[in-house]
C-alpha atoms as a PDB file:
ATOM      1  CA  UNK A   1     -55.457 154.986 131.929  1.00  0.00           C
ATOM      2  CA  UNK A   2     -54.976 154.358 128.281  1.00  0.00           C
ATOM      3  CA  UNK A   3     -52.510 157.309 127.819  1.00  0.00           C
ATOM      4  CA  UNK A   4     -49.406 155.173 128.155  1.00  0.00           C
ATOM      5  CA  UNK A   5     -50.550 152.229 126.030  1.00  0.00           C
ATOM      6  CA  UNK A   6     -50.765 151.826 122.325  1.00  0.00           C
ATOM      7  CA  UNK A   7     -52.966 149.290 120.427  1.00  0.00           C
ATOM      8  CA  UNK A   8     -51.138 147.907 117.409  1.00  0.00           C
ATOM      9  CA  UNK A   9     -53.380 145.985 114.725  1.00  0.00           C
ATOM     10  CA  UNK A  10     -51.002 143.864 112.772  1.00  0.00           C
ATOM     11  CA  UNK A  11     -53.487 142.725 110.294  1.00  0.00           C
ATOM     12  CA  UNK A  12     -53.296 143.855 106.644  1.00  0.00           C
ATOM     13  CA  UNK A  13     -54.787 147.369 105.841  1.00  0.00           C
ATOM     14  CA  UNK A  14     -57.813 145.830 104.160  1.00  0.00           C
ATOM     15  CA  UNK A  15     -58.607 143.860 107.341  1.00  0.00           C
ATOM     16  CA  UNK A  16     -58.101 146.926 109.501  1.00  0.00           C
ATOM     17  CA  UNK A  17     -60.551 148.907 107.306  1.00  0.00           C
ATOM     18  CA  UNK A  18     -63.389 146.445 108.145  1.00  0.00           C
ATOM     19  CA  UNK A  19     -63.144 147.037 111.929  1.00  0.00           C
ATOM     20  CA  UNK A  20     -60.486 147.664 114.590  1.00  0.00           C
ATOM     21  CA  UNK A  21     -59.931 148.796 118.111  1.00  0.00           C
ATOM     22  CA  UNK A  22     -60.568 152.562 118.598  1.00  0.00           C
ATOM     23  CA  UNK A  23     -57.278 154.417 118.450  1.00  0.00           C
ATOM     24  CA  UNK A  24     -55.332 151.375 117.106  1.00  0.00           C
ATOM     25  CA  UNK A  25     -52.428 151.905 114.817  1.00  0.00           C
ATOM     26  CA  UNK A  26     -52.254 149.465 111.738  1.00  0.00           C
ATOM     27  CA  UNK A  27     -48.768 148.245 111.402  1.00  0.00           C
ATOM     28  CA  UNK A  28     -48.452 144.794 109.723  1.00  0.00           C
ATOM     29  CA  UNK A  29     -45.330 142.633 110.541  1.00  0.00           C
ATOM     30  CA  UNK A  30     -43.700 143.533 107.137  1.00  0.00           C
ATOM     31  CA  UNK A  31     -43.937 147.165 108.068  1.00  0.00           C
ATOM     32  CA  UNK A  32     -42.524 146.475 111.600  1.00  0.00           C
ATOM     33  CA  UNK A  33     -39.567 144.718 110.103  1.00  0.00           C
ATOM     34  CA  UNK A  34     -38.945 147.772 107.999  1.00  0.00           C
ATOM     35  CA  UNK A  35     -38.718 150.027 111.014  1.00  0.00           C
ATOM     36  CA  UNK A  36     -42.319 151.234 111.479  1.00  0.00           C
ATOM     37  CA  UNK A  37     -41.885 155.024 111.497  1.00  0.00           C
ATOM     38  CA  UNK A  38     -45.219 155.191 113.641  1.00  0.00           C
ATOM     39  CA  UNK A  39     -43.212 153.836 116.609  1.00  0.00           C
ATOM     40  CA  UNK A  40     -39.948 155.577 116.197  1.00  0.00           C
ATOM     41  CA  UNK A  41     -40.716 158.402 118.758  1.00  0.00           C
ATOM     42  CA  UNK A  42     -42.304 155.970 121.284  1.00  0.00           C
ATOM     43  CA  UNK A  43     -40.181 155.186 124.483  1.00  0.00           C
ATOM     44  CA  UNK A  44     -39.131 151.537 124.203  1.00  0.00           C
ATOM     45  CA  UNK A  45     -41.095 150.824 127.595  1.00  0.00           C
ATOM     46  CA  UNK A  46     -44.407 152.008 126.151  1.00  0.00           C
ATOM     47  CA  UNK A  47     -47.089 149.303 126.721  1.00  0.00           C
ATOM     48  CA  UNK A  48     -47.912 148.042 123.228  1.00  0.00           C
ATOM     49  CA  UNK A  49     -50.882 145.751 122.954  1.00  0.00           C
ATOM     50  CA  UNK A  50     -50.805 143.791 119.654  1.00  0.00           C
ATOM     51  CA  UNK A  51     -53.569 141.907 118.007  1.00  0.00           C
ATOM     52  CA  UNK A  52     -54.551 140.275 114.762  1.00  0.00           C
ATOM     53  CA  UNK A  53     -57.177 137.716 113.911  1.00  0.00           C
ATOM     54  CA  UNK A  54     -56.053 134.640 115.724  1.00  0.00           C
ATOM     55  CA  UNK A  55     -52.948 135.752 117.647  1.00  0.00           C
ATOM     56  CA  UNK A  56     -50.257 134.198 115.419  1.00  0.00           C
ATOM     57  CA  UNK A  57     -49.322 137.445 113.519  1.00  0.00           C
ATOM     58  CA  UNK A  58     -49.338 139.416 116.753  1.00  0.00           C
ATOM     59  CA  UNK A  59     -46.979 136.776 118.248  1.00  0.00           C
ATOM     60  CA  UNK A  60     -44.668 137.077 115.337  1.00  0.00           C
ATOM     61  CA  UNK A  61     -45.013 140.907 115.688  1.00  0.00           C
ATOM     62  CA  UNK A  62     -44.009 140.684 119.390  1.00  0.00           C
ATOM     63  CA  UNK A  63     -40.901 138.870 118.534  1.00  0.00           C
ATOM     64  CA  UNK A  64     -40.069 141.548 115.848  1.00  0.00           C
ATOM     65  CA  UNK A  65     -40.598 144.395 118.411  1.00  0.00           C
ATOM     66  CA  UNK A  66     -38.529 142.598 121.071  1.00  0.00           C
ATOM     67  CA  UNK A  67     -35.586 142.498 118.572  1.00  0.00           C
ATOM     68  CA  UNK A  68     -36.189 146.260 118.035  1.00  0.00           C
ATOM     69  CA  UNK A  69     -35.813 146.865 121.729  1.00  0.00           C
ATOM     70  CA  UNK A  70     -39.352 147.190 122.957  1.00  0.00           C
ATOM     71  CA  UNK A  71     -39.913 145.685 126.442  1.00  0.00           C
ATOM     72  CA  UNK A  72     -43.547 146.246 127.480  1.00  0.00           C
ATOM     73  CA  UNK A  73     -45.447 143.882 124.906  1.00  0.00           C
ATOM     74  CA  UNK A  74     -48.665 141.996 125.265  1.00  0.00           C
ATOM     75  CA  UNK A  75     -50.439 139.674 122.766  1.00  0.00           C
ATOM     76  CA  UNK A  76     -54.051 140.758 122.892  1.00  0.00           C
ATOM     77  CA  UNK A  77     -54.942 137.981 120.378  1.00  0.00           C
ATOM     78  CA  UNK A  78     -57.830 139.603 118.583  1.00  0.00           C
ATOM     79  CA  UNK A  79     -59.822 142.798 118.544  1.00  0.00           C
ATOM     80  CA  UNK A  80     -62.818 141.481 120.421  1.00  0.00           C
ATOM     81  CA  UNK A  81     -60.497 140.165 123.236  1.00  0.00           C
ATOM     82  CA  UNK A  82     -58.707 143.508 123.360  1.00  0.00           C
ATOM     83  CA  UNK A  83     -62.067 145.293 123.435  1.00  0.00           C
ATOM     84  CA  UNK A  84     -63.397 143.061 126.165  1.00  0.00           C
ATOM     85  CA  UNK A  85     -60.254 143.563 128.260  1.00  0.00           C
ATOM     86  CA  UNK A  86     -59.454 147.236 127.853  1.00  0.00           C
ATOM     87  CA  UNK A  87     -62.721 148.848 126.878  1.00  0.00           C
ATOM     88  CA  UNK A  88     -65.422 146.928 128.802  1.00  0.00           C
ATOM     89  CA  UNK A  89     -67.525 149.099 131.002  1.00  0.00           C
ATOM     90  CA  UNK A  90     -67.334 148.040 134.783  1.00  0.00           C
END
């Protein structure tokens, strides 16, 4: 189920270090603007769920990724909301 989606934590590395969604990539907006080599081999339609602390940086990151041609984007707002939506046990 999670094989075709990637979680992108767009907070700064120090914030990421203090806790993040399991398996998330840490790619702050400035790194996205520089091309984010971590994403270069991903198909443009890969589901990317972005999150930060409040949703503002992830919204900005979504705009950057749209400009780079990515089409399957979601603003997950913050790590707790992402965990609740994608990792909650039913």
